[in-house]
Amino acid sequence: MSLRISNQLSPALRQLASAFADKTPILEAMGLQLVSLTKRSFSDASLRPSPWKPHKYNYGGHNLLRKSGALWQSIRITEVNGTFVRVGSDRKYAALQQFGGIIRPVNAKFLRFRIAGRLVMAKQVEIPPRPFFPFTAGGQMTQTAQDKIEKVGLAKVNAMMKQAGF
């Protein structure tokens, strides 16, 4: 699963960035901010595009999306060039957690798994959306994320202008 920042720049930032032939450093800074916001959303509900539905079972106080840390650790910049930055996760279940979905058995009649030491069997399991990337289901960046990423982009442009002697 990956998300791309390219057309999310404000006209003001786009105009300032146009002074540079290579916009990669600006986009990389913005991508790192998106990575940070996404990782922080695992523990800060205010950074999520919508609230997470509570878990059906008690998992001993564990946040299942952080239990092993694999999903959280997998979030990173996957591609950056002069026109866009892509942030994503290589975990196969990332999109399922972000958008929700249904898990069905492939080679059996039932899914089998353990919850709190008990064996559970089910014909299917519905995973509700628990979005951690700050994008709505329609692909729009949240206003909080847009503001924070824009601020980082402007700071990077200003630093590059200062370094270039403007």
N, C-alpha and C. Protein backbone atom coordinates (compact mmCIF):
# COMPACT_ATOMS: atom_id res chain seq x y z
N MET A 1 0.85 -1.17 0.00
CA MET A 1 0.00 0.00 0.00
C MET A 1 0.89 1.23 0.00
N SER A 2 0.58 2.20 -0.84
CA SER A 2 1.36 3.44 -0.85
C SER A 2 0.47 4.61 -1.20
N LEU A 3 0.89 5.77 -0.75
CA LEU A 3 0.20 7.02 -1.02
C LEU A 3 1.20 7.99 -1.63
N ARG A 4 0.72 8.83 -2.50
CA ARG A 4 1.61 9.70 -3.26
C ARG A 4 1.25 11.16 -3.01
N ILE A 5 2.26 11.98 -2.73
CA ILE A 5 2.07 13.42 -2.62
C ILE A 5 2.63 14.04 -3.88
N SER A 6 1.79 14.68 -4.65
CA SER A 6 2.27 15.39 -5.84
C SER A 6 1.42 16.63 -6.08
N ASN A 7 0.13 16.48 -6.13
CA ASN A 7 -0.75 17.61 -6.41
C ASN A 7 -1.36 18.20 -5.15
N GLN A 8 -0.82 17.85 -4.00
CA GLN A 8 -1.38 18.33 -2.74
C GLN A 8 -0.75 19.65 -2.30
N LEU A 9 0.20 20.17 -3.08
CA LEU A 9 0.87 21.41 -2.70
C LEU A 9 -0.03 22.61 -2.94
N SER A 10 0.06 23.58 -2.04
CA SER A 10 -0.71 24.81 -2.24
C SER A 10 -0.08 25.60 -3.39
N PRO A 11 -0.84 26.48 -4.02
CA PRO A 11 -0.28 27.30 -5.10
C PRO A 11 0.94 28.12 -4.64
N ALA A 12 0.91 28.62 -3.40
CA ALA A 12 2.03 29.42 -2.89
C ALA A 12 3.30 28.58 -2.80
N LEU A 13 3.19 27.38 -2.24
CA LEU A 13 4.37 26.51 -2.12
C LEU A 13 4.84 26.06 -3.49
N ARG A 14 3.91 25.76 -4.37
CA ARG A 14 4.26 25.34 -5.73
C ARG A 14 5.06 26.44 -6.44
N GLN A 15 4.63 27.69 -6.26
CA GLN A 15 5.32 28.81 -6.90
C GLN A 15 6.72 28.98 -6.33
N LEU A 16 6.86 28.90 -5.01
CA LEU A 16 8.19 29.03 -4.39
C LEU A 16 9.10 27.89 -4.84
N ALA A 17 8.57 26.67 -4.86
CA ALA A 17 9.37 25.50 -5.24
C ALA A 17 9.78 25.55 -6.70
N SER A 18 9.02 26.27 -7.53
CA SER A 18 9.35 26.34 -8.96
C SER A 18 10.69 27.03 -9.21
N ALA A 19 11.22 27.72 -8.21
CA ALA A 19 12.53 28.37 -8.36
C ALA A 19 13.66 27.34 -8.41
N PHE A 20 13.37 26.09 -8.06
CA PHE A 20 14.40 25.05 -8.02
C PHE A 20 14.13 24.01 -9.09
N ALA A 21 15.17 23.69 -9.84
CA ALA A 21 15.05 22.66 -10.87
C ALA A 21 14.78 21.30 -10.24
N ASP A 22 15.48 21.01 -9.13
CA ASP A 22 15.32 19.72 -8.46
C ASP A 22 14.51 19.92 -7.17
N LYS A 23 13.30 19.46 -7.19
CA LYS A 23 12.42 19.60 -6.03
C LYS A 23 12.49 18.38 -5.10
N THR A 24 13.38 17.46 -5.39
CA THR A 24 13.49 16.24 -4.60
C THR A 24 13.70 16.52 -3.12
N PRO A 25 14.61 17.43 -2.72
CA PRO A 25 14.79 17.67 -1.28
C PRO A 25 13.52 18.20 -0.59
N ILE A 26 12.75 19.00 -1.30
CA ILE A 26 11.51 19.54 -0.74
C ILE A 26 10.51 18.40 -0.54
N LEU A 27 10.34 17.59 -1.57
CA LEU A 27 9.40 16.48 -1.49
C LEU A 27 9.83 15.44 -0.47
N GLU A 28 11.14 15.22 -0.35
CA GLU A 28 11.63 14.27 0.64
C GLU A 28 11.31 14.75 2.06
N ALA A 29 11.51 16.05 2.32
CA ALA A 29 11.18 16.60 3.64
C ALA A 29 9.69 16.44 3.93
N MET A 30 8.88 16.69 2.93
CA MET A 30 7.43 16.55 3.09
C MET A 30 7.06 15.08 3.32
N GLY A 31 7.72 14.18 2.61
CA GLY A 31 7.47 12.75 2.79
C GLY A 31 7.85 12.27 4.17
N LEU A 32 8.97 12.78 4.69
CA LEU A 32 9.38 12.40 6.05
C LEU A 32 8.36 12.88 7.07
N GLN A 33 7.78 14.05 6.83
CA GLN A 33 6.73 14.54 7.73
C GLN A 33 5.50 13.64 7.65
N LEU A 34 5.15 13.18 6.46
CA LEU A 34 4.02 12.27 6.31
C LEU A 34 4.29 10.95 7.03
N VAL A 35 5.52 10.44 6.93
CA VAL A 35 5.89 9.22 7.66
C VAL A 35 5.70 9.45 9.16
N SER A 36 6.20 10.57 9.66
CA SER A 36 6.09 10.89 11.08
C SER A 36 4.62 10.98 11.52
N LEU A 37 3.81 11.69 10.77
CA LEU A 37 2.39 11.82 11.12
C LEU A 37 1.69 10.47 11.12
N THR A 38 2.01 9.65 10.13
CA THR A 38 1.39 8.33 10.02
C THR A 38 1.76 7.47 11.22
N LYS A 39 3.03 7.45 11.58
CA LYS A 39 3.46 6.64 12.72
C LYS A 39 2.86 7.16 14.02
N ARG A 40 2.78 8.46 14.16
CA ARG A 40 2.21 9.04 15.38
C ARG A 40 0.71 8.75 15.50
N SER A 41 0.03 8.54 14.37
CA SER A 41 -1.42 8.28 14.41
C SER A 41 -1.76 6.96 15.10
N PHE A 42 -0.79 6.06 15.23
CA PHE A 42 -1.04 4.80 15.92
C PHE A 42 -1.35 5.05 17.39
N SER A 43 -0.78 6.11 17.96
CA SER A 43 -1.02 6.40 19.38
C SER A 43 -1.77 7.71 19.60
N ASP A 44 -1.90 8.55 18.58
CA ASP A 44 -2.57 9.84 18.70
C ASP A 44 -3.80 9.87 17.79
N ALA A 45 -4.96 9.64 18.37
CA ALA A 45 -6.20 9.54 17.59
C ALA A 45 -6.53 10.82 16.84
N SER A 46 -6.03 11.96 17.29
CA SER A 46 -6.35 13.23 16.62
C SER A 46 -5.72 13.32 15.23
N LEU A 47 -4.75 12.47 14.93
CA LEU A 47 -4.09 12.50 13.63
C LEU A 47 -4.75 11.56 12.61
N ARG A 48 -5.73 10.81 13.03
CA ARG A 48 -6.41 9.86 12.14
C ARG A 48 -7.54 10.55 11.38
N PRO A 49 -7.80 10.11 10.15
CA PRO A 49 -8.90 10.72 9.40
C PRO A 49 -10.28 10.36 9.94
N SER A 50 -10.38 9.27 10.67
CA SER A 50 -11.64 8.88 11.31
C SER A 50 -11.32 7.99 12.51
N PRO A 51 -12.24 7.94 13.48
CA PRO A 51 -11.98 7.14 14.69
C PRO A 51 -11.91 5.65 14.37
N TRP A 52 -11.15 4.94 15.18
CA TRP A 52 -11.07 3.49 15.05
C TRP A 52 -12.20 2.85 15.85
N LYS A 53 -12.84 1.87 15.25
CA LYS A 53 -13.85 1.09 15.96
C LYS A 53 -13.13 0.28 17.05
N PRO A 54 -13.71 0.21 18.25
CA PRO A 54 -13.06 -0.58 19.31
C PRO A 54 -12.95 -2.05 18.90
N HIS A 55 -11.95 -2.72 19.43
CA HIS A 55 -11.76 -4.15 19.14
C HIS A 55 -12.88 -4.95 19.79
N LYS A 56 -13.29 -5.99 19.13
CA LYS A 56 -14.37 -6.85 19.62
C LYS A 56 -13.94 -7.63 20.86
N TYR A 57 -12.67 -8.02 20.89
CA TYR A 57 -12.16 -8.81 22.00
C TYR A 57 -11.13 -8.00 22.77
N ASN A 58 -10.94 -8.37 24.03
CA ASN A 58 -9.91 -7.75 24.85
C ASN A 58 -8.59 -8.45 24.55
N TYR A 59 -7.62 -7.69 24.09
CA TYR A 59 -6.32 -8.27 23.74
C TYR A 59 -5.28 -7.94 24.80
N GLY A 60 -5.71 -7.89 26.04
CA GLY A 60 -4.77 -7.63 27.12
C GLY A 60 -4.22 -6.22 27.11
N GLY A 61 -5.01 -5.27 26.65
CA GLY A 61 -4.57 -3.88 26.62
C GLY A 61 -3.66 -3.53 25.47
N HIS A 62 -3.40 -4.49 24.58
CA HIS A 62 -2.52 -4.24 23.43
C HIS A 62 -3.30 -3.55 22.32
N ASN A 63 -2.64 -2.63 21.65
CA ASN A 63 -3.16 -2.06 20.41
C ASN A 63 -2.73 -3.02 19.32
N LEU A 64 -3.67 -3.73 18.72
CA LEU A 64 -3.31 -4.76 17.75
C LEU A 64 -2.48 -4.24 16.58
N LEU A 65 -2.70 -2.99 16.17
CA LEU A 65 -1.91 -2.47 15.06
C LEU A 65 -0.47 -2.21 15.48
N ARG A 66 -0.18 -2.24 16.77
CA ARG A 66 1.19 -2.03 17.26
C ARG A 66 1.75 -3.26 17.97
N LYS A 67 1.01 -4.34 18.03
CA LYS A 67 1.41 -5.50 18.83
C LYS A 67 2.82 -5.97 18.49
N SER A 68 3.09 -6.27 17.23
CA SER A 68 4.43 -6.73 16.85
C SER A 68 5.31 -5.58 16.42
N GLY A 69 4.70 -4.47 16.03
CA GLY A 69 5.47 -3.32 15.55
C GLY A 69 5.81 -3.39 14.07
N ALA A 70 5.47 -4.49 13.41
CA ALA A 70 5.86 -4.68 12.01
C ALA A 70 5.21 -3.66 11.08
N LEU A 71 3.92 -3.40 11.26
CA LEU A 71 3.24 -2.44 10.40
C LEU A 71 3.80 -1.04 10.63
N TRP A 72 3.91 -0.64 11.87
CA TRP A 72 4.43 0.68 12.23
C TRP A 72 5.83 0.88 11.66
N GLN A 73 6.69 -0.12 11.82
CA GLN A 73 8.07 -0.02 11.34
C GLN A 73 8.16 -0.02 9.82
N SER A 74 7.17 -0.55 9.15
CA SER A 74 7.24 -0.66 7.68
C SER A 74 6.90 0.64 6.96
N ILE A 75 6.37 1.62 7.66
CA ILE A 75 5.96 2.87 7.02
C ILE A 75 7.20 3.71 6.73
N ARG A 76 7.39 4.04 5.44
CA ARG A 76 8.59 4.78 5.03
C ARG A 76 8.38 5.38 3.64
N ILE A 77 9.32 6.23 3.26
CA ILE A 77 9.34 6.74 1.89
C ILE A 77 9.76 5.58 1.00
N THR A 78 8.95 5.28 0.00
CA THR A 78 9.28 4.19 -0.91
C THR A 78 9.81 4.70 -2.25
N GLU A 79 9.53 5.98 -2.55
CA GLU A 79 10.02 6.55 -3.80
C GLU A 79 9.95 8.07 -3.70
N VAL A 80 10.98 8.73 -4.20
CA VAL A 80 10.97 10.19 -4.27
C VAL A 80 11.74 10.61 -5.51
N ASN A 81 11.20 11.59 -6.21
CA ASN A 81 11.90 12.17 -7.35
C ASN A 81 11.50 13.64 -7.43
N GLY A 82 11.78 14.30 -8.49
CA GLY A 82 11.52 15.73 -8.59
C GLY A 82 10.06 16.11 -8.75
N THR A 83 9.17 15.13 -8.91
CA THR A 83 7.76 15.46 -9.11
C THR A 83 6.82 14.90 -8.04
N PHE A 84 7.24 13.89 -7.30
CA PHE A 84 6.38 13.35 -6.26
C PHE A 84 7.20 12.58 -5.23
N VAL A 85 6.55 12.33 -4.09
CA VAL A 85 7.11 11.45 -3.08
C VAL A 85 6.02 10.43 -2.75
N ARG A 86 6.45 9.18 -2.59
CA ARG A 86 5.51 8.10 -2.28
C ARG A 86 5.89 7.54 -0.91
N VAL A 87 4.88 7.44 -0.05
CA VAL A 87 5.06 6.88 1.29
C VAL A 87 4.17 5.65 1.37
N GLY A 88 4.69 4.58 1.94
CA GLY A 88 3.86 3.39 2.01
C GLY A 88 4.38 2.35 2.97
N SER A 89 3.79 1.18 2.88
CA SER A 89 4.13 0.02 3.69
C SER A 89 4.17 -1.19 2.78
N ASP A 90 5.12 -2.08 3.03
CA ASP A 90 5.19 -3.30 2.24
C ASP A 90 4.43 -4.45 2.90
N ARG A 91 3.75 -4.18 4.00
CA ARG A 91 2.97 -5.21 4.68
C ARG A 91 1.70 -5.49 3.89
N LYS A 92 1.44 -6.75 3.61
CA LYS A 92 0.28 -7.13 2.80
C LYS A 92 -1.04 -6.71 3.45
N TYR A 93 -1.06 -6.64 4.76
CA TYR A 93 -2.30 -6.33 5.46
C TYR A 93 -2.50 -4.84 5.71
N ALA A 94 -1.59 -3.99 5.25
CA ALA A 94 -1.70 -2.54 5.50
C ALA A 94 -3.00 -1.98 4.92
N ALA A 95 -3.31 -2.30 3.68
CA ALA A 95 -4.53 -1.78 3.05
C ALA A 95 -5.78 -2.31 3.76
N LEU A 96 -5.75 -3.56 4.20
CA LEU A 96 -6.88 -4.13 4.93
C LEU A 96 -7.14 -3.34 6.21
N GLN A 97 -6.08 -2.99 6.92
CA GLN A 97 -6.25 -2.21 8.14
C GLN A 97 -6.71 -0.78 7.83
N GLN A 98 -6.16 -0.17 6.79
CA GLN A 98 -6.50 1.21 6.44
C GLN A 98 -7.96 1.33 5.99
N PHE A 99 -8.40 0.43 5.11
CA PHE A 99 -9.72 0.55 4.49
C PHE A 99 -10.75 -0.43 5.02
N GLY A 100 -10.32 -1.45 5.75
CA GLY A 100 -11.22 -2.49 6.23
C GLY A 100 -11.48 -3.51 5.14
N GLY A 101 -12.12 -4.60 5.51
CA GLY A 101 -12.43 -5.64 4.54
C GLY A 101 -12.82 -6.93 5.24
N ILE A 102 -12.99 -7.96 4.45
CA ILE A 102 -13.41 -9.25 4.97
C ILE A 102 -12.34 -10.29 4.65
N ILE A 103 -11.99 -11.08 5.66
CA ILE A 103 -11.04 -12.18 5.49
C ILE A 103 -11.85 -13.46 5.44
N ARG A 104 -11.61 -14.25 4.40
CA ARG A 104 -12.28 -15.54 4.24
C ARG A 104 -11.22 -16.63 4.11
N PRO A 105 -11.54 -17.85 4.51
CA PRO A 105 -10.58 -18.94 4.36
C PRO A 105 -10.33 -19.26 2.88
N VAL A 106 -9.11 -19.65 2.57
CA VAL A 106 -8.76 -19.98 1.19
C VAL A 106 -8.79 -21.49 0.98
N ASN A 107 -8.14 -22.23 1.87
CA ASN A 107 -8.03 -23.68 1.69
C ASN A 107 -8.73 -24.48 2.79
N ALA A 108 -9.71 -23.88 3.42
CA ALA A 108 -10.44 -24.56 4.49
C ALA A 108 -11.85 -23.98 4.57
N LYS A 109 -12.70 -24.64 5.37
CA LYS A 109 -14.05 -24.13 5.54
C LYS A 109 -14.10 -22.99 6.55
N PHE A 110 -13.14 -22.99 7.47
CA PHE A 110 -13.14 -22.01 8.55
C PHE A 110 -11.76 -21.38 8.71
N LEU A 111 -11.77 -20.16 9.21
CA LEU A 111 -10.55 -19.53 9.70
C LEU A 111 -10.36 -20.02 11.12
N ARG A 112 -9.13 -20.26 11.52
CA ARG A 112 -8.84 -20.69 12.89
C ARG A 112 -7.76 -19.78 13.45
N PHE A 113 -8.00 -19.25 14.64
CA PHE A 113 -7.01 -18.40 15.30
C PHE A 113 -7.28 -18.40 16.80
N ARG A 114 -6.32 -17.91 17.55
CA ARG A 114 -6.44 -17.87 19.01
C ARG A 114 -6.63 -16.43 19.47
N ILE A 115 -7.56 -16.29 20.41
CA ILE A 115 -7.77 -15.00 21.07
C ILE A 115 -7.79 -15.28 22.56
N ALA A 116 -6.90 -14.63 23.28
CA ALA A 116 -6.80 -14.80 24.74
C ALA A 116 -6.69 -16.28 25.10
N GLY A 117 -5.92 -17.04 24.32
CA GLY A 117 -5.68 -18.44 24.61
C GLY A 117 -6.77 -19.39 24.16
N ARG A 118 -7.87 -18.87 23.63
CA ARG A 118 -8.97 -19.71 23.19
C ARG A 118 -8.95 -19.86 21.68
N LEU A 119 -9.23 -21.06 21.20
CA LEU A 119 -9.33 -21.30 19.76
C LEU A 119 -10.66 -20.77 19.26
N VAL A 120 -10.60 -19.98 18.20
CA VAL A 120 -11.81 -19.41 17.60
C VAL A 120 -11.86 -19.87 16.14
N MET A 121 -13.04 -20.26 15.70
CA MET A 121 -13.24 -20.65 14.30
C MET A 121 -14.35 -19.76 13.73
N ALA A 122 -14.15 -19.29 12.50
CA ALA A 122 -15.14 -18.42 11.87
C ALA A 122 -15.13 -18.63 10.36
N LYS A 123 -16.29 -18.47 9.72
CA LYS A 123 -16.36 -18.57 8.27
C LYS A 123 -15.75 -17.36 7.60
N GLN A 124 -15.80 -16.23 8.30
CA GLN A 124 -15.17 -15.02 7.80
C GLN A 124 -14.98 -14.06 8.97
N VAL A 125 -14.09 -13.12 8.79
CA VAL A 125 -13.85 -12.10 9.81
C VAL A 125 -13.89 -10.74 9.12
N GLU A 126 -14.72 -9.86 9.65
CA GLU A 126 -14.78 -8.50 9.11
C GLU A 126 -13.82 -7.61 9.89
N ILE A 127 -12.92 -6.99 9.17
CA ILE A 127 -11.97 -6.05 9.76
C ILE A 127 -12.49 -4.65 9.46
N PRO A 128 -12.84 -3.89 10.50
CA PRO A 128 -13.30 -2.52 10.24
C PRO A 128 -12.12 -1.63 9.85
N PRO A 129 -12.38 -0.55 9.13
CA PRO A 129 -11.28 0.35 8.79
C PRO A 129 -10.67 0.95 10.05
N ARG A 130 -9.36 0.94 10.12
CA ARG A 130 -8.63 1.61 11.19
C ARG A 130 -7.52 2.41 10.51
N PRO A 131 -7.92 3.53 9.88
CA PRO A 131 -6.96 4.29 9.07
C PRO A 131 -5.85 4.92 9.91
N PHE A 132 -4.63 4.69 9.47
CA PHE A 132 -3.47 5.27 10.14
C PHE A 132 -2.79 6.29 9.23
N PHE A 133 -2.86 6.10 7.91
CA PHE A 133 -2.40 7.14 6.99
C PHE A 133 -3.40 8.29 7.06
N PRO A 134 -2.94 9.55 7.07
CA PRO A 134 -3.86 10.68 7.20
C PRO A 134 -4.56 11.05 5.90
N PHE A 135 -5.18 10.07 5.27
CA PHE A 135 -5.94 10.26 4.04
C PHE A 135 -7.32 9.65 4.23
N THR A 136 -8.33 10.31 3.72
CA THR A 136 -9.69 9.76 3.79
C THR A 136 -9.82 8.60 2.81
N ALA A 137 -10.91 7.86 2.92
CA ALA A 137 -11.16 6.76 1.99
C ALA A 137 -11.24 7.27 0.55
N GLY A 138 -11.61 8.54 0.38
CA GLY A 138 -11.67 9.15 -0.95
C GLY A 138 -10.34 9.66 -1.46
N GLY A 139 -9.28 9.50 -0.65
CA GLY A 139 -7.94 9.89 -1.10
C GLY A 139 -7.52 11.31 -0.76
N GLN A 140 -8.34 12.03 0.01
CA GLN A 140 -7.99 13.39 0.38
C GLN A 140 -7.18 13.40 1.68
N MET A 141 -6.12 14.21 1.69
CA MET A 141 -5.31 14.35 2.88
C MET A 141 -6.10 15.13 3.93
N THR A 142 -5.96 14.75 5.20
CA THR A 142 -6.64 15.50 6.26
C THR A 142 -6.06 16.91 6.32
N GLN A 143 -6.85 17.84 6.81
CA GLN A 143 -6.40 19.23 6.89
C GLN A 143 -5.19 19.36 7.81
N THR A 144 -5.20 18.64 8.93
CA THR A 144 -4.06 18.69 9.86
C THR A 144 -2.79 18.24 9.16
N ALA A 145 -2.87 17.12 8.45
CA ALA A 145 -1.69 16.62 7.74
C ALA A 145 -1.25 17.60 6.66
N GLN A 146 -2.20 18.13 5.92
CA GLN A 146 -1.87 19.07 4.86
C GLN A 146 -1.15 20.30 5.44
N ASP A 147 -1.66 20.83 6.55
CA ASP A 147 -1.04 22.00 7.17
C ASP A 147 0.38 21.71 7.64
N LYS A 148 0.57 20.56 8.29
CA LYS A 148 1.90 20.22 8.82
C LYS A 148 2.90 19.93 7.70
N ILE A 149 2.46 19.24 6.67
CA ILE A 149 3.34 18.92 5.55
C ILE A 149 3.68 20.18 4.77
N GLU A 150 2.72 21.05 4.60
CA GLU A 150 2.94 22.33 3.93
C GLU A 150 3.98 23.16 4.69
N LYS A 151 3.86 23.18 6.01
CA LYS A 151 4.80 23.94 6.85
C LYS A 151 6.23 23.42 6.68
N VAL A 152 6.38 22.10 6.64
CA VAL A 152 7.71 21.50 6.43
C VAL A 152 8.22 21.83 5.04
N GLY A 153 7.35 21.78 4.04
CA GLY A 153 7.75 22.12 2.68
C GLY A 153 8.22 23.56 2.57
N LEU A 154 7.49 24.48 3.19
CA LEU A 154 7.89 25.90 3.17
C LEU A 154 9.21 26.11 3.89
N ALA A 155 9.40 25.44 5.02
CA ALA A 155 10.67 25.56 5.75
C ALA A 155 11.83 25.05 4.90
N LYS A 156 11.62 23.97 4.18
CA LYS A 156 12.69 23.43 3.33
C LYS A 156 12.98 24.38 2.17
N VAL A 157 11.95 24.94 1.56
CA VAL A 157 12.14 25.91 0.47
C VAL A 157 12.92 27.11 1.00
N ASN A 158 12.54 27.63 2.17
CA ASN A 158 13.25 28.77 2.75
C ASN A 158 14.70 28.45 3.03
N ALA A 159 14.97 27.27 3.56
CA ALA A 159 16.36 26.86 3.82
C ALA A 159 17.15 26.76 2.52
N MET A 160 16.53 26.21 1.49
CA MET A 160 17.22 26.08 0.20
C MET A 160 17.46 27.45 -0.44
N MET A 161 16.51 28.37 -0.28
CA MET A 161 16.68 29.72 -0.83
C MET A 161 17.82 30.45 -0.11
N LYS A 162 17.86 30.28 1.19
CA LYS A 162 18.92 30.91 1.99
C LYS A 162 20.28 30.34 1.57
N GLN A 163 20.34 29.03 1.42
CA GLN A 163 21.58 28.37 1.01
C GLN A 163 22.01 28.81 -0.39
N ALA A 164 21.04 29.08 -1.26
CA ALA A 164 21.35 29.51 -2.63
C ALA A 164 21.64 31.01 -2.71
N GLY A 165 21.46 31.72 -1.60
CA GLY A 165 21.78 33.14 -1.58
C GLY A 165 20.65 34.05 -1.99
N PHE A 166 19.42 33.58 -1.95
CA PHE A 166 18.26 34.43 -2.29
C PHE A 166 17.89 35.30 -1.12
